[in-house]
Amino acid sequence: MYSHKQKKILHVIHPPTFRWLLRQPKYPRKSVPRRNKLDHYASAVKKIEDNNTLVFIVDVKASKHELKQAGKKLYDTDVAKVSILKGLMERR
């Protein structure tokens, strides 16, 4: 009733692996790299001057209420509004 069959062996053929050589251009495509016109520090200072706004990098788990209390304690002023931006790295 039961026959002893051998299990079928599947052979997988992998293509050969080799390393691609990096390109060696004859000349750079851009003669001078572009400079960052507005870095993080300058953008934060611009917000302070224009919008009367402070910019911070804080802990991800901090709530708006905690941020408001910290701003009140740090600068001895009333905080009108707390806005949170999450970037690519999920930081606030």
N, C-alpha and C. Protein backbone atom coordinates (compact mmCIF):
# COMPACT_ATOMS: atom_id res chain seq x y z
N MET A 1 0.80 -1.18 0.00
CA MET A 1 0.00 0.00 0.00
C MET A 1 0.85 1.27 0.00
N TYR A 2 1.78 1.34 0.92
CA TYR A 2 2.66 2.50 0.98
C TYR A 2 3.96 2.17 0.25
N SER A 3 4.30 2.98 -0.69
CA SER A 3 5.56 2.76 -1.38
C SER A 3 6.57 3.78 -0.89
N HIS A 4 7.80 3.41 -0.90
CA HIS A 4 8.86 4.30 -0.44
C HIS A 4 9.41 5.06 -1.64
N LYS A 5 8.91 6.29 -1.81
CA LYS A 5 9.39 7.12 -2.90
C LYS A 5 10.50 8.02 -2.40
N GLN A 6 11.43 8.29 -3.25
CA GLN A 6 12.45 9.25 -2.88
C GLN A 6 11.91 10.65 -3.08
N LYS A 7 12.34 11.55 -2.20
CA LYS A 7 11.91 12.93 -2.34
C LYS A 7 12.59 13.56 -3.54
N LYS A 8 11.85 14.38 -4.25
CA LYS A 8 12.40 15.04 -5.43
C LYS A 8 13.31 16.18 -4.99
N ILE A 9 14.50 16.22 -5.50
CA ILE A 9 15.46 17.26 -5.15
C ILE A 9 15.39 18.35 -6.20
N LEU A 10 15.12 19.56 -5.76
CA LEU A 10 15.06 20.69 -6.68
C LEU A 10 16.43 21.35 -6.73
N HIS A 11 16.97 21.49 -7.90
CA HIS A 11 18.26 22.15 -8.07
C HIS A 11 18.01 23.59 -8.51
N VAL A 12 18.58 24.52 -7.77
CA VAL A 12 18.42 25.93 -8.10
C VAL A 12 19.75 26.42 -8.66
N ILE A 13 19.68 26.99 -9.83
CA ILE A 13 20.89 27.51 -10.46
C ILE A 13 20.93 29.02 -10.25
N HIS A 14 21.94 29.48 -9.55
CA HIS A 14 22.09 30.91 -9.30
C HIS A 14 22.96 31.53 -10.39
N PRO A 15 22.62 32.73 -10.82
CA PRO A 15 23.49 33.40 -11.80
C PRO A 15 24.81 33.79 -11.15
N PRO A 16 25.86 33.92 -11.91
CA PRO A 16 27.15 34.28 -11.31
C PRO A 16 27.11 35.69 -10.74
N THR A 17 27.74 35.85 -9.60
CA THR A 17 27.78 37.17 -8.98
C THR A 17 29.16 37.77 -9.19
N PHE A 18 29.18 39.03 -9.56
CA PHE A 18 30.45 39.74 -9.72
C PHE A 18 30.22 41.19 -9.34
N ARG A 19 31.29 41.87 -9.09
CA ARG A 19 31.19 43.26 -8.64
C ARG A 19 31.26 44.19 -9.83
N TRP A 20 30.36 45.17 -9.82
CA TRP A 20 30.38 46.18 -10.87
C TRP A 20 31.47 47.19 -10.55
N LEU A 21 32.18 47.60 -11.55
CA LEU A 21 33.21 48.61 -11.36
C LEU A 21 32.55 49.98 -11.24
N LEU A 22 33.09 50.80 -10.35
CA LEU A 22 32.57 52.15 -10.22
C LEU A 22 32.97 52.97 -11.43
N ARG A 23 32.11 53.90 -11.81
CA ARG A 23 32.40 54.73 -12.97
C ARG A 23 33.50 55.73 -12.64
N GLN A 24 34.33 55.98 -13.58
CA GLN A 24 35.40 56.97 -13.45
C GLN A 24 35.15 58.06 -14.49
N PRO A 25 34.39 59.09 -14.14
CA PRO A 25 34.07 60.12 -15.14
C PRO A 25 35.30 60.92 -15.53
N LYS A 26 35.29 61.41 -16.76
CA LYS A 26 36.42 62.21 -17.24
C LYS A 26 36.43 63.58 -16.60
N TYR A 27 35.24 64.10 -16.28
CA TYR A 27 35.15 65.40 -15.63
C TYR A 27 33.93 65.39 -14.72
N PRO A 28 33.93 66.19 -13.66
CA PRO A 28 32.76 66.23 -12.77
C PRO A 28 31.57 66.88 -13.46
N ARG A 29 30.39 66.38 -13.21
CA ARG A 29 29.19 66.91 -13.86
C ARG A 29 28.82 68.29 -13.32
N LYS A 30 29.16 68.55 -12.07
CA LYS A 30 28.97 69.88 -11.49
C LYS A 30 30.34 70.39 -11.11
N SER A 31 30.68 71.58 -11.57
CA SER A 31 32.02 72.10 -11.31
C SER A 31 32.21 72.44 -9.84
N VAL A 32 31.18 73.06 -9.23
CA VAL A 32 31.25 73.44 -7.82
C VAL A 32 29.99 72.92 -7.14
N PRO A 33 30.12 72.22 -6.01
CA PRO A 33 28.91 71.76 -5.32
C PRO A 33 28.09 72.94 -4.80
N ARG A 34 26.78 72.79 -4.85
CA ARG A 34 25.88 73.86 -4.42
C ARG A 34 25.92 73.99 -2.91
N ARG A 35 26.00 75.20 -2.42
CA ARG A 35 26.02 75.40 -0.98
C ARG A 35 24.58 75.51 -0.46
N ASN A 36 24.41 75.11 0.78
CA ASN A 36 23.10 75.19 1.41
C ASN A 36 22.83 76.65 1.76
N LYS A 37 21.83 77.24 1.15
CA LYS A 37 21.58 78.67 1.34
C LYS A 37 21.05 78.97 2.73
N LEU A 38 20.29 78.06 3.28
CA LEU A 38 19.67 78.32 4.58
C LEU A 38 19.86 77.07 5.44
N ASP A 39 20.87 77.06 6.29
CA ASP A 39 21.09 75.90 7.14
C ASP A 39 20.14 75.94 8.33
N HIS A 40 20.23 74.95 9.20
CA HIS A 40 19.28 74.83 10.31
C HIS A 40 19.40 76.00 11.27
N TYR A 41 20.60 76.42 11.55
CA TYR A 41 20.78 77.51 12.50
C TYR A 41 20.21 78.81 11.93
N ALA A 42 20.51 79.09 10.67
CA ALA A 42 20.02 80.33 10.06
C ALA A 42 18.50 80.32 9.95
N SER A 43 17.92 79.17 9.64
CA SER A 43 16.46 79.11 9.53
C SER A 43 15.81 79.32 10.89
N ALA A 44 16.43 78.80 11.96
CA ALA A 44 15.88 79.00 13.31
C ALA A 44 15.96 80.47 13.70
N VAL A 45 17.09 81.12 13.40
CA VAL A 45 17.25 82.54 13.72
C VAL A 45 16.26 83.37 12.92
N LYS A 46 16.03 83.00 11.66
CA LYS A 46 15.08 83.72 10.82
C LYS A 46 13.67 83.61 11.39
N LYS A 47 13.30 82.43 11.90
CA LYS A 47 11.97 82.27 12.51
C LYS A 47 11.83 83.13 13.76
N ILE A 48 12.91 83.23 14.55
CA ILE A 48 12.87 84.05 15.76
C ILE A 48 12.65 85.51 15.38
N GLU A 49 13.37 85.97 14.37
CA GLU A 49 13.27 87.38 13.98
C GLU A 49 11.94 87.70 13.32
N ASP A 50 11.51 86.87 12.38
CA ASP A 50 10.31 87.19 11.60
C ASP A 50 9.01 86.88 12.33
N ASN A 51 8.90 85.68 12.87
CA ASN A 51 7.62 85.21 13.40
C ASN A 51 7.55 85.19 14.92
N ASN A 52 8.63 85.62 15.59
CA ASN A 52 8.67 85.56 17.05
C ASN A 52 8.44 84.12 17.52
N THR A 53 9.17 83.19 16.91
CA THR A 53 8.99 81.76 17.13
C THR A 53 10.32 81.13 17.51
N LEU A 54 10.29 80.19 18.46
CA LEU A 54 11.49 79.46 18.86
C LEU A 54 11.43 78.04 18.29
N VAL A 55 12.59 77.50 17.90
CA VAL A 55 12.68 76.18 17.30
C VAL A 55 13.55 75.30 18.18
N PHE A 56 13.06 74.09 18.51
CA PHE A 56 13.79 73.16 19.36
C PHE A 56 13.74 71.77 18.76
N ILE A 57 14.74 70.96 19.08
CA ILE A 57 14.69 69.51 18.83
C ILE A 57 14.51 68.87 20.20
N VAL A 58 13.41 68.17 20.37
CA VAL A 58 13.08 67.61 21.68
C VAL A 58 12.86 66.11 21.57
N ASP A 59 12.57 65.49 22.70
CA ASP A 59 12.35 64.05 22.76
C ASP A 59 11.06 63.69 22.01
N VAL A 60 11.05 62.52 21.38
CA VAL A 60 9.89 62.09 20.61
C VAL A 60 8.67 61.87 21.50
N LYS A 61 8.91 61.43 22.73
CA LYS A 61 7.80 61.09 23.62
C LYS A 61 7.24 62.29 24.38
N ALA A 62 7.82 63.48 24.18
CA ALA A 62 7.35 64.67 24.90
C ALA A 62 6.01 65.11 24.33
N SER A 63 5.08 65.46 25.24
CA SER A 63 3.77 65.93 24.80
C SER A 63 3.80 67.44 24.64
N LYS A 64 2.75 67.99 24.03
CA LYS A 64 2.67 69.44 23.83
C LYS A 64 2.59 70.17 25.16
N HIS A 65 1.88 69.57 26.11
CA HIS A 65 1.75 70.20 27.43
C HIS A 65 3.11 70.28 28.12
N GLU A 66 3.89 69.20 28.04
CA GLU A 66 5.23 69.20 28.64
C GLU A 66 6.14 70.22 27.96
N LEU A 67 6.03 70.34 26.64
CA LEU A 67 6.84 71.33 25.92
C LEU A 67 6.46 72.75 26.31
N LYS A 68 5.17 72.97 26.50
CA LYS A 68 4.69 74.30 26.91
C LYS A 68 5.23 74.65 28.29
N GLN A 69 5.18 73.70 29.22
CA GLN A 69 5.68 73.93 30.58
C GLN A 69 7.19 74.19 30.56
N ALA A 70 7.93 73.45 29.73
CA ALA A 70 9.38 73.63 29.64
C ALA A 70 9.72 75.01 29.07
N GLY A 71 8.98 75.45 28.06
CA GLY A 71 9.21 76.78 27.50
C GLY A 71 8.91 77.87 28.50
N LYS A 72 7.85 77.67 29.29
CA LYS A 72 7.48 78.65 30.31
C LYS A 72 8.55 78.72 31.39
N LYS A 73 9.09 77.56 31.78
CA LYS A 73 10.11 77.51 32.83
C LYS A 73 11.44 78.07 32.34
N LEU A 74 11.78 77.79 31.08
CA LEU A 74 13.07 78.18 30.52
C LEU A 74 13.16 79.68 30.27
N TYR A 75 12.10 80.26 29.73
CA TYR A 75 12.16 81.66 29.31
C TYR A 75 11.30 82.60 30.15
N ASP A 76 10.58 82.10 31.14
CA ASP A 76 9.71 82.90 32.01
C ASP A 76 8.71 83.74 31.21
N THR A 77 8.12 83.14 30.19
CA THR A 77 7.10 83.82 29.39
C THR A 77 5.95 82.85 29.16
N ASP A 78 4.82 83.39 28.75
CA ASP A 78 3.68 82.55 28.41
C ASP A 78 3.85 82.03 26.99
N VAL A 79 3.64 80.74 26.81
CA VAL A 79 3.74 80.13 25.48
C VAL A 79 2.37 80.15 24.86
N ALA A 80 2.25 80.76 23.68
CA ALA A 80 0.95 80.89 23.03
C ALA A 80 0.55 79.58 22.34
N LYS A 81 1.49 78.96 21.66
CA LYS A 81 1.13 77.79 20.85
C LYS A 81 2.35 76.88 20.72
N VAL A 82 2.11 75.57 20.70
CA VAL A 82 3.18 74.59 20.49
C VAL A 82 2.84 73.80 19.24
N SER A 83 3.73 73.84 18.26
CA SER A 83 3.56 73.07 17.02
C SER A 83 4.63 72.00 16.98
N ILE A 84 4.25 70.82 16.50
CA ILE A 84 5.18 69.70 16.44
C ILE A 84 5.34 69.28 14.98
N LEU A 85 6.59 69.15 14.55
CA LEU A 85 6.90 68.63 13.22
C LEU A 85 7.71 67.36 13.38
N LYS A 86 7.28 66.31 12.72
CA LYS A 86 8.06 65.07 12.73
C LYS A 86 8.78 64.99 11.40
N GLY A 87 10.10 64.79 11.48
CA GLY A 87 10.90 64.72 10.27
C GLY A 87 11.04 63.29 9.78
N LEU A 88 12.01 63.08 8.92
CA LEU A 88 12.24 61.75 8.36
C LEU A 88 12.72 60.77 9.41
N MET A 89 13.45 61.27 10.38
CA MET A 89 14.01 60.39 11.40
C MET A 89 13.05 60.23 12.58
N GLU A 90 11.80 60.67 12.44
CA GLU A 90 10.79 60.57 13.49
C GLU A 90 11.24 61.25 14.77
N ARG A 91 11.81 62.42 14.63
CA ARG A 91 12.15 63.19 15.82
C ARG A 91 11.32 64.45 15.82
N ARG A 92 11.11 65.04 17.01
CA ARG A 92 10.28 66.24 17.10
C ARG A 92 11.13 67.46 17.25
